[in-house]
Protein backbone atom coordinates (compact mmCIF):
# COMPACT_ATOMS: atom_id res chain seq x y z
CA UNK A 1 17.26 -26.37 14.10
CA UNK A 2 14.52 -24.93 12.33
CA UNK A 3 13.13 -27.14 9.44
CA UNK A 4 13.06 -25.37 5.98
CA UNK A 5 9.68 -25.38 5.82
CA UNK A 6 8.81 -23.60 9.29
CA UNK A 7 11.53 -21.50 7.91
CA UNK A 8 9.62 -20.36 4.52
CA UNK A 9 6.12 -20.79 6.55
CA UNK A 10 7.54 -17.37 8.95
CA UNK A 11 9.28 -15.91 5.89
CA UNK A 12 5.64 -16.34 4.89
CA UNK A 13 4.28 -14.77 7.03
CA UNK A 14 6.67 -11.60 7.67
CA UNK A 15 6.23 -11.16 3.97
CA UNK A 16 2.44 -11.29 4.49
CA UNK A 17 1.87 -8.49 7.08
CA UNK A 18 5.05 -7.10 5.29
CA UNK A 19 2.66 -6.36 2.20
CA UNK A 20 -0.73 -5.63 4.70
CA UNK A 21 1.17 -2.56 6.16
CA UNK A 22 2.46 -1.26 2.60
CA UNK A 23 -1.31 -1.52 1.57
CA UNK A 24 -3.36 0.27 4.46
CA UNK A 25 -0.87 3.03 4.16
CA UNK A 26 -1.58 3.22 0.63
CA UNK A 27 -5.27 3.36 1.33
CA UNK A 28 -4.49 5.71 3.77
CA UNK A 29 -2.20 8.09 1.60
CA UNK A 30 -5.29 7.95 -1.24
CA UNK A 31 -7.55 8.49 0.94
CA UNK A 32 -6.32 11.45 2.18
CA UNK A 33 -4.58 12.81 -1.39
CA UNK A 34 -8.30 12.58 -2.68
CA UNK A 35 -10.24 14.39 0.09
CA UNK A 36 -7.65 17.22 -0.84
CA UNK A 37 -8.04 16.86 -4.00
CA UNK A 38 -11.88 17.39 -3.19
CA UNK A 39 -10.06 21.19 -1.59
CA UNK A 40 -10.55 24.02 -4.18
CA UNK A 41 -7.52 25.34 -1.71
CA UNK A 42 -5.25 21.96 -2.47
CA UNK A 43 -1.44 22.33 -3.72
CA UNK A 44 -1.81 19.03 -4.75
CA UNK A 45 -0.86 18.78 -8.52
CA UNK A 46 -0.53 15.38 -9.18
CA UNK A 47 -3.48 13.57 -10.35
CA UNK A 48 -4.81 10.23 -7.98
CA UNK A 49 -5.02 7.95 -11.11
CA UNK A 50 -1.22 8.58 -11.25
CA UNK A 51 -0.64 7.46 -7.40
CA UNK A 52 -2.62 4.43 -7.48
CA UNK A 53 -0.65 3.59 -11.24
CA UNK A 54 2.91 3.20 -8.71
CA UNK A 55 1.08 0.88 -6.92
CA UNK A 56 3.25 -2.43 -6.85
CA UNK A 57 2.73 -5.66 -8.26
CA UNK A 58 -1.06 -6.92 -7.51
CA UNK A 59 -1.53 -4.17 -4.55
CA UNK A 60 -4.69 -2.21 -4.84
CA UNK A 61 -6.10 -0.64 -2.58
CA UNK A 62 -9.55 -1.92 -1.10
């Protein structure tokens, strides 16, 4: 039987990993949108600042 400490430590590791995956995905999306917005033939009409404003909590792109 797992102690509550080991369960919380495992849960914390899972949440950290999820945060890392989401952050990397947002970084990639931001780069792709930024590159597309620099293209004269871009079909994206949403400013990159608006996308960055959608980040949750303290999650900021590196």
